[in-house]
Amino acid sequence: MNHANLSNDGPLDVAVSAEETKLLYEEDLGTYLGISDEELAKLQKQGNLPTITIDGTKYYPKASIDKWIEDNVGKSF
């Protein structure tokens, strides 16, 4: 659990954990899935990973990735 000390002495310093993140950067997706860069590249090449592109940057919605995993249990890639 994250804790923050509140005071009027300066800016509030709060650490945000990856569990609170709704969108993953491409470089974080392999880590989240627990797979190598090569395995991630194979999945991306197939083009069926859920993505959102904002200003040219590709993001992976965690909830959609979790559902994609559930929907693909038992499949081979």
PDB file of N, CA and C in Angstrom:
ATOM      1  N   MET A   1       0.849  -1.171   0.000  1.00  0.00           N
ATOM      2  CA  MET A   1       0.000   0.000   0.000  1.00  0.00           C
ATOM      3  C   MET A   1       0.895   1.235   0.000  1.00  0.00           C
ATOM      4  N   ASN A   2       0.525   2.245  -0.768  1.00  0.00           N
ATOM      5  CA  ASN A   2       1.291   3.486  -0.826  1.00  0.00           C
ATOM      6  C   ASN A   2       0.821   4.434   0.267  1.00  0.00           C
ATOM      7  N   HIS A   3       1.783   5.105   0.904  1.00  0.00           N
ATOM      8  CA  HIS A   3       1.470   6.070   1.946  1.00  0.00           C
ATOM      9  C   HIS A   3       2.082   7.410   1.565  1.00  0.00           C
ATOM     10  N   ALA A   4       1.412   8.475   1.928  1.00  0.00           N
ATOM     11  CA  ALA A   4       1.937   9.808   1.657  1.00  0.00           C
ATOM     12  C   ALA A   4       1.827  10.644   2.926  1.00  0.00           C
ATOM     13  N   ASN A   5       2.859  11.425   3.201  1.00  0.00           N
ATOM     14  CA  ASN A   5       2.813  12.365   4.315  1.00  0.00           C
ATOM     15  C   ASN A   5       2.276  13.683   3.793  1.00  0.00           C
ATOM     16  N   LEU A   6       1.243  14.183   4.423  1.00  0.00           N
ATOM     17  CA  LEU A   6       0.640  15.439   3.993  1.00  0.00           C
ATOM     18  C   LEU A   6       1.144  16.571   4.872  1.00  0.00           C
ATOM     19  N   SER A   7       1.618  17.624   4.225  1.00  0.00           N
ATOM     20  CA  SER A   7       2.043  18.819   4.944  1.00  0.00           C
ATOM     21  C   SER A   7       1.992  19.979   3.969  1.00  0.00           C
ATOM     22  N   ASN A   8       2.160  21.159   4.468  1.00  0.00           N
ATOM     23  CA  ASN A   8       2.191  22.353   3.624  1.00  0.00           C
ATOM     24  C   ASN A   8       3.620  22.753   3.273  1.00  0.00           C
ATOM     25  N   ASP A   9       4.581  21.864   3.515  1.00  0.00           N
ATOM     26  CA  ASP A   9       5.989  22.182   3.315  1.00  0.00           C
ATOM     27  C   ASP A   9       6.455  22.094   1.863  1.00  0.00           C
ATOM     28  N   GLY A  10       5.702  21.454   1.001  1.00  0.00           N
ATOM     29  CA  GLY A  10       6.152  21.309  -0.378  1.00  0.00           C
ATOM     30  C   GLY A  10       5.187  20.463  -1.172  1.00  0.00           C
ATOM     31  N   PRO A  11       5.627  20.043  -2.353  1.00  0.00           N
ATOM     32  CA  PRO A  11       4.733  19.255  -3.211  1.00  0.00           C
ATOM     33  C   PRO A  11       4.456  17.889  -2.609  1.00  0.00           C
ATOM     34  N   LEU A  12       3.332  17.346  -2.954  1.00  0.00           N
ATOM     35  CA  LEU A  12       2.926  16.025  -2.508  1.00  0.00           C
ATOM     36  C   LEU A  12       3.657  14.985  -3.342  1.00  0.00           C
ATOM     37  N   ASP A  13       4.334  14.043  -2.700  1.00  0.00           N
ATOM     38  CA  ASP A  13       5.077  12.997  -3.382  1.00  0.00           C
ATOM     39  C   ASP A  13       4.326  11.688  -3.213  1.00  0.00           C
ATOM     40  N   VAL A  14       3.751  11.196  -4.321  1.00  0.00           N
ATOM     41  CA  VAL A  14       2.975   9.971  -4.279  1.00  0.00           C
ATOM     42  C   VAL A  14       3.520   9.018  -5.334  1.00  0.00           C
ATOM     43  N   ALA A  15       3.830   7.807  -4.934  1.00  0.00           N
ATOM     44  CA  ALA A  15       4.274   6.787  -5.878  1.00  0.00           C
ATOM     45  C   ALA A  15       3.050   6.040  -6.394  1.00  0.00           C
ATOM     46  N   VAL A  16       2.963   5.890  -7.696  1.00  0.00           N
ATOM     47  CA  VAL A  16       1.851   5.178  -8.308  1.00  0.00           C
ATOM     48  C   VAL A  16       2.370   3.828  -8.770  1.00  0.00           C
ATOM     49  N   SER A  17       1.710   2.772  -8.350  1.00  0.00           N
ATOM     50  CA  SER A  17       2.169   1.441  -8.718  1.00  0.00           C
ATOM     51  C   SER A  17       1.600   1.030 -10.070  1.00  0.00           C
ATOM     52  N   ALA A  18       2.224   0.034 -10.690  1.00  0.00           N
ATOM     53  CA  ALA A  18       1.775  -0.469 -11.990  1.00  0.00           C
ATOM     54  C   ALA A  18       0.367  -1.040 -11.904  1.00  0.00           C
ATOM     55  N   GLU A  19      -0.049  -1.497 -10.709  1.00  0.00           N
ATOM     56  CA  GLU A  19      -1.384  -2.057 -10.563  1.00  0.00           C
ATOM     57  C   GLU A  19      -2.457  -1.004 -10.769  1.00  0.00           C
ATOM     58  N   GLU A  20      -2.140   0.258 -10.562  1.00  0.00           N
ATOM     59  CA  GLU A  20      -3.093   1.340 -10.733  1.00  0.00           C
ATOM     60  C   GLU A  20      -3.143   1.844 -12.165  1.00  0.00           C
ATOM     61  N   THR A  21      -2.184   1.453 -12.984  1.00  0.00           N
ATOM     62  CA  THR A  21      -2.095   1.911 -14.355  1.00  0.00           C
ATOM     63  C   THR A  21      -3.123   1.191 -15.208  1.00  0.00           C
ATOM     64  N   LYS A  22      -3.835   1.942 -16.027  1.00  0.00           N
ATOM     65  CA  LYS A  22      -4.850   1.351 -16.900  1.00  0.00           C
ATOM     66  C   LYS A  22      -4.294   1.059 -18.285  1.00  0.00           C
ATOM     67  N   LEU A  23      -3.292   1.847 -18.720  1.00  0.00           N
ATOM     68  CA  LEU A  23      -2.674   1.659 -20.030  1.00  0.00           C
ATOM     69  C   LEU A  23      -1.201   1.317 -19.848  1.00  0.00           C
ATOM     70  N   LEU A  24      -0.741   0.325 -20.593  1.00  0.00           N
ATOM     71  CA  LEU A  24       0.660  -0.075 -20.548  1.00  0.00           C
ATOM     72  C   LEU A  24       1.377   0.445 -21.782  1.00  0.00           C
ATOM     73  N   TYR A  25       2.598   0.920 -21.595  1.00  0.00           N
ATOM     74  CA  TYR A  25       3.454   1.241 -22.730  1.00  0.00           C
ATOM     75  C   TYR A  25       3.905  -0.063 -23.372  1.00  0.00           C
ATOM     76  N   GLU A  26       4.263   0.007 -24.647  1.00  0.00           N
ATOM     77  CA  GLU A  26       4.731  -1.178 -25.357  1.00  0.00           C
ATOM     78  C   GLU A  26       5.902  -1.848 -24.636  1.00  0.00           C
ATOM     79  N   GLU A  27       6.837  -1.042 -24.142  1.00  0.00           N
ATOM     80  CA  GLU A  27       8.009  -1.618 -23.477  1.00  0.00           C
ATOM     81  C   GLU A  27       7.667  -2.286 -22.140  1.00  0.00           C
ATOM     82  N   ASP A  28       6.499  -1.994 -21.578  1.00  0.00           N
ATOM     83  CA  ASP A  28       6.084  -2.608 -20.317  1.00  0.00           C
ATOM     84  C   ASP A  28       5.223  -3.854 -20.516  1.00  0.00           C
ATOM     85  N   LEU A  29       4.702  -4.039 -21.718  1.00  0.00           N
ATOM     86  CA  LEU A  29       3.770  -5.133 -21.961  1.00  0.00           C
ATOM     87  C   LEU A  29       4.421  -6.502 -21.783  1.00  0.00           C
ATOM     88  N   GLY A  30       5.613  -6.697 -22.309  1.00  0.00           N
ATOM     89  CA  GLY A  30       6.303  -7.982 -22.158  1.00  0.00           C
ATOM     90  C   GLY A  30       6.524  -8.342 -20.704  1.00  0.00           C
ATOM     91  N   THR A  31       6.907  -7.349 -19.920  1.00  0.00           N
ATOM     92  CA  THR A  31       7.108  -7.564 -18.484  1.00  0.00           C
ATOM     93  C   THR A  31       5.786  -7.939 -17.822  1.00  0.00           C
ATOM     94  N   TYR A  32       4.726  -7.227 -18.158  1.00  0.00           N
ATOM     95  CA  TYR A  32       3.413  -7.510 -17.590  1.00  0.00           C
ATOM     96  C   TYR A  32       2.973  -8.937 -17.924  1.00  0.00           C
ATOM     97  N   LEU A  33       3.231  -9.363 -19.169  1.00  0.00           N
ATOM     98  CA  LEU A  33       2.839 -10.699 -19.597  1.00  0.00           C
ATOM     99  C   LEU A  33       3.827 -11.771 -19.147  1.00  0.00           C
ATOM    100  N   GLY A  34       5.042 -11.356 -18.781  1.00  0.00           N
ATOM    101  CA  GLY A  34       6.061 -12.306 -18.363  1.00  0.00           C
ATOM    102  C   GLY A  34       6.670 -13.066 -19.528  1.00  0.00           C
ATOM    103  N   ILE A  35       6.786 -12.390 -20.687  1.00  0.00           N
ATOM    104  CA  ILE A  35       7.337 -13.033 -21.879  1.00  0.00           C
ATOM    105  C   ILE A  35       8.525 -12.230 -22.408  1.00  0.00           C
ATOM    106  N   SER A  36       9.309 -12.874 -23.272  1.00  0.00           N
ATOM    107  CA  SER A  36      10.490 -12.225 -23.848  1.00  0.00           C
ATOM    108  C   SER A  36      10.091 -11.209 -24.921  1.00  0.00           C
ATOM    109  N   ASP A  37      11.042 -10.374 -25.300  1.00  0.00           N
ATOM    110  CA  ASP A  37      10.815  -9.412 -26.379  1.00  0.00           C
ATOM    111  C   ASP A  37      10.488 -10.123 -27.690  1.00  0.00           C
ATOM    112  N   GLU A  38      11.139 -11.262 -27.927  1.00  0.00           N
ATOM    113  CA  GLU A  38      10.894 -12.030 -29.153  1.00  0.00           C
ATOM    114  C   GLU A  38       9.467 -12.579 -29.178  1.00  0.00           C
ATOM    115  N   GLU A  39       9.013 -13.103 -28.042  1.00  0.00           N
ATOM    116  CA  GLU A  39       7.645 -13.624 -27.966  1.00  0.00           C
ATOM    117  C   GLU A  39       6.622 -12.504 -28.134  1.00  0.00           C
ATOM    118  N   LEU A  40       6.902 -11.357 -27.536  1.00  0.00           N
ATOM    119  CA  LEU A  40       6.013 -10.210 -27.682  1.00  0.00           C
ATOM    120  C   LEU A  40       5.948  -9.767 -29.136  1.00  0.00           C
ATOM    121  N   ALA A  41       7.086  -9.746 -29.806  1.00  0.00           N
ATOM    122  CA  ALA A  41       7.120  -9.351 -31.216  1.00  0.00           C
ATOM    123  C   ALA A  41       6.249 -10.283 -32.066  1.00  0.00           C
ATOM    124  N   LYS A  42       6.256 -11.585 -31.755  1.00  0.00           N
ATOM    125  CA  LYS A  42       5.403 -12.540 -32.484  1.00  0.00           C
ATOM    126  C   LYS A  42       3.928 -12.187 -32.301  1.00  0.00           C
ATOM    127  N   LEU A  43       3.542 -11.904 -31.063  1.00  0.00           N
ATOM    128  CA  LEU A  43       2.141 -11.557 -30.799  1.00  0.00           C
ATOM    129  C   LEU A  43       1.753 -10.259 -31.499  1.00  0.00           C
ATOM    130  N   GLN A  44       2.649  -9.277 -31.478  1.00  0.00           N
ATOM    131  CA  GLN A  44       2.364  -7.998 -32.124  1.00  0.00           C
ATOM    132  C   GLN A  44       2.256  -8.156 -33.638  1.00  0.00           C
ATOM    133  N   LYS A  45       3.074  -9.014 -34.208  1.00  0.00           N
ATOM    134  CA  LYS A  45       3.058  -9.237 -35.653  1.00  0.00           C
ATOM    135  C   LYS A  45       1.724  -9.824 -36.101  1.00  0.00           C
ATOM    136  N   GLN A  46       1.135 -10.651 -35.256  1.00  0.00           N
ATOM    137  CA  GLN A  46      -0.164 -11.239 -35.580  1.00  0.00           C
ATOM    138  C   GLN A  46      -1.277 -10.200 -35.553  1.00  0.00           C
ATOM    139  N   GLY A  47      -1.039  -9.115 -34.832  1.00  0.00           N
ATOM    140  CA  GLY A  47      -1.971  -7.991 -34.844  1.00  0.00           C
ATOM    141  C   GLY A  47      -3.258  -8.177 -34.078  1.00  0.00           C
ATOM    142  N   ASN A  48      -3.311  -9.147 -33.176  1.00  0.00           N
ATOM    143  CA  ASN A  48      -4.571  -9.346 -32.459  1.00  0.00           C
ATOM    144  C   ASN A  48      -4.540  -8.896 -31.000  1.00  0.00           C
ATOM    145  N   LEU A  49      -3.472  -8.228 -30.579  1.00  0.00           N
ATOM    146  CA  LEU A  49      -3.436  -7.672 -29.226  1.00  0.00           C
ATOM    147  C   LEU A  49      -4.256  -6.386 -29.183  1.00  0.00           C
ATOM    148  N   PRO A  50      -5.064  -6.202 -28.136  1.00  0.00           N
ATOM    149  CA  PRO A  50      -5.850  -4.974 -28.037  1.00  0.00           C
ATOM    150  C   PRO A  50      -4.951  -3.760 -27.789  1.00  0.00           C
ATOM    151  N   THR A  51      -5.123  -2.730 -28.592  1.00  0.00           N
ATOM    152  CA  THR A  51      -4.306  -1.519 -28.472  1.00  0.00           C
ATOM    153  C   THR A  51      -5.161  -0.269 -28.587  1.00  0.00           C
ATOM    154  N   ILE A  52      -4.597   0.813 -28.085  1.00  0.00           N
ATOM    155  CA  ILE A  52      -5.141   2.158 -28.262  1.00  0.00           C
ATOM    156  C   ILE A  52      -3.970   3.021 -28.716  1.00  0.00           C
ATOM    157  N   THR A  53      -4.157   3.806 -29.757  1.00  0.00           N
ATOM    158  CA  THR A  53      -3.110   4.711 -30.220  1.00  0.00           C
ATOM    159  C   THR A  53      -3.536   6.144 -29.927  1.00  0.00           C
ATOM    160  N   ILE A  54      -2.672   6.854 -29.215  1.00  0.00           N
ATOM    161  CA  ILE A  54      -2.927   8.255 -28.866  1.00  0.00           C
ATOM    162  C   ILE A  54      -1.745   9.070 -29.369  1.00  0.00           C
ATOM    163  N   ASP A  55      -2.007   9.998 -30.267  1.00  0.00           N
ATOM    164  CA  ASP A  55      -0.949  10.833 -30.850  1.00  0.00           C
ATOM    165  C   ASP A  55       0.232  10.001 -31.350  1.00  0.00           C
ATOM    166  N   GLY A  56      -0.067   8.882 -32.002  1.00  0.00           N
ATOM    167  CA  GLY A  56       0.968   8.050 -32.587  1.00  0.00           C
ATOM    168  C   GLY A  56       1.650   7.086 -31.633  1.00  0.00           C
ATOM    169  N   THR A  57       1.322   7.146 -30.351  1.00  0.00           N
ATOM    170  CA  THR A  57       1.906   6.235 -29.368  1.00  0.00           C
ATOM    171  C   THR A  57       0.927   5.108 -29.088  1.00  0.00           C
ATOM    172  N   LYS A  58       1.417   3.871 -29.190  1.00  0.00           N
ATOM    173  CA  LYS A  58       0.577   2.698 -28.977  1.00  0.00           C
ATOM    174  C   LYS A  58       0.580   2.316 -27.501  1.00  0.00           C
ATOM    175  N   TYR A  59      -0.609   2.130 -26.962  1.00  0.00           N
ATOM    176  CA  TYR A  59      -0.790   1.702 -25.578  1.00  0.00           C
ATOM    177  C   TYR A  59      -1.611   0.415 -25.564  1.00  0.00           C
ATOM    178  N   TYR A  60      -1.457  -0.340 -24.498  1.00  0.00           N
ATOM    179  CA  TYR A  60      -2.180  -1.593 -24.329  1.00  0.00           C
ATOM    180  C   TYR A  60      -3.031  -1.496 -23.066  1.00  0.00           C
ATOM    181  N   PRO A  61      -4.369  -1.462 -23.204  1.00  0.00           N
ATOM    182  CA  PRO A  61      -5.236  -1.381 -22.021  1.00  0.00           C
ATOM    183  C   PRO A  61      -5.149  -2.666 -21.200  1.00  0.00           C
ATOM    184  N   LYS A  62      -4.781  -2.539 -19.926  1.00  0.00           N
ATOM    185  CA  LYS A  62      -4.589  -3.710 -19.071  1.00  0.00           C
ATOM    186  C   LYS A  62      -5.832  -4.587 -19.015  1.00  0.00           C
ATOM    187  N   ALA A  63      -6.999  -3.994 -18.847  1.00  0.00           N
ATOM    188  CA  ALA A  63      -8.231  -4.790 -18.739  1.00  0.00           C
ATOM    189  C   ALA A  63      -8.467  -5.586 -20.017  1.00  0.00           C
ATOM    190  N   SER A  64      -8.203  -4.985 -21.164  1.00  0.00           N
ATOM    191  CA  SER A  64      -8.386  -5.683 -22.436  1.00  0.00           C
ATOM    192  C   SER A  64      -7.332  -6.763 -22.632  1.00  0.00           C
ATOM    193  N   ILE A  65      -6.110  -6.503 -22.182  1.00  0.00           N
ATOM    194  CA  ILE A  65      -5.056  -7.518 -22.252  1.00  0.00           C
ATOM    195  C   ILE A  65      -5.430  -8.708 -21.368  1.00  0.00           C
ATOM    196  N   ASP A  66      -5.934  -8.438 -20.171  1.00  0.00           N
ATOM    197  CA  ASP A  66      -6.354  -9.521 -19.277  1.00  0.00           C
ATOM    198  C   ASP A  66      -7.470 -10.359 -19.911  1.00  0.00           C
ATOM    199  N   LYS A  67      -8.431  -9.697 -20.555  1.00  0.00           N
ATOM    200  CA  LYS A  67      -9.514 -10.416 -21.228  1.00  0.00           C
ATOM    201  C   LYS A  67      -8.967 -11.194 -22.414  1.00  0.00           C
ATOM    202  N   TRP A  68      -8.035 -10.608 -23.170  1.00  0.00           N
ATOM    203  CA  TRP A  68      -7.423 -11.284 -24.305  1.00  0.00           C
ATOM    204  C   TRP A  68      -6.742 -12.575 -23.839  1.00  0.00           C
ATOM    205  N   ILE A  69      -6.056 -12.517 -22.702  1.00  0.00           N
ATOM    206  CA  ILE A  69      -5.408 -13.709 -22.157  1.00  0.00           C
ATOM    207  C   ILE A  69      -6.460 -14.784 -21.865  1.00  0.00           C
ATOM    208  N   GLU A  70      -7.530 -14.413 -21.173  1.00  0.00           N
ATOM    209  CA  GLU A  70      -8.590 -15.364 -20.849  1.00  0.00           C
ATOM    210  C   GLU A  70      -9.194 -15.979 -22.109  1.00  0.00           C
ATOM    211  N   ASP A  71      -9.406 -15.160 -23.123  1.00  0.00           N
ATOM    212  CA  ASP A  71     -10.013 -15.628 -24.366  1.00  0.00           C
ATOM    213  C   ASP A  71      -9.086 -16.529 -25.180  1.00  0.00           C
ATOM    214  N   ASN A  72      -7.788 -16.481 -24.899  1.00  0.00           N
ATOM    215  CA  ASN A  72      -6.818 -17.231 -25.695  1.00  0.00           C
ATOM    216  C   ASN A  72      -6.138 -18.365 -24.941  1.00  0.00           C
ATOM    217  N   VAL A  73      -6.641 -18.707 -23.769  1.00  0.00           N
ATOM    218  CA  VAL A  73      -6.077 -19.829 -23.011  1.00  0.00           C
ATOM    219  C   VAL A  73      -6.195 -21.096 -23.851  1.00  0.00           C
ATOM    220  N   GLY A  74      -5.099 -21.823 -23.943  1.00  0.00           N
ATOM    221  CA  GLY A  74      -5.080 -23.083 -24.689  1.00  0.00           C
ATOM    222  C   GLY A  74      -4.706 -22.941 -26.151  1.00  0.00           C
ATOM    223  N   LYS A  75      -4.605 -21.716 -26.650  1.00  0.00           N
ATOM    224  CA  LYS A  75      -4.218 -21.500 -28.044  1.00  0.00           C
ATOM    225  C   LYS A  75      -2.705 -21.437 -28.168  1.00  0.00           C
ATOM    226  N   SER A  76      -2.224 -21.728 -29.349  1.00  0.00           N
ATOM    227  CA  SER A  76      -0.791 -21.638 -29.645  1.00  0.00           C
ATOM    228  C   SER A  76      -0.554 -20.481 -30.582  1.00  0.00           C
ATOM    229  N   PHE A  77       0.579 -19.799 -30.392  1.00  0.00           N
ATOM    230  CA  PHE A  77       0.931 -18.666 -31.235  1.00  0.00           C
ATOM    231  C   PHE A  77       2.319 -18.873 -31.802  1.00  0.00           C
TER     232      PHE A  77
END
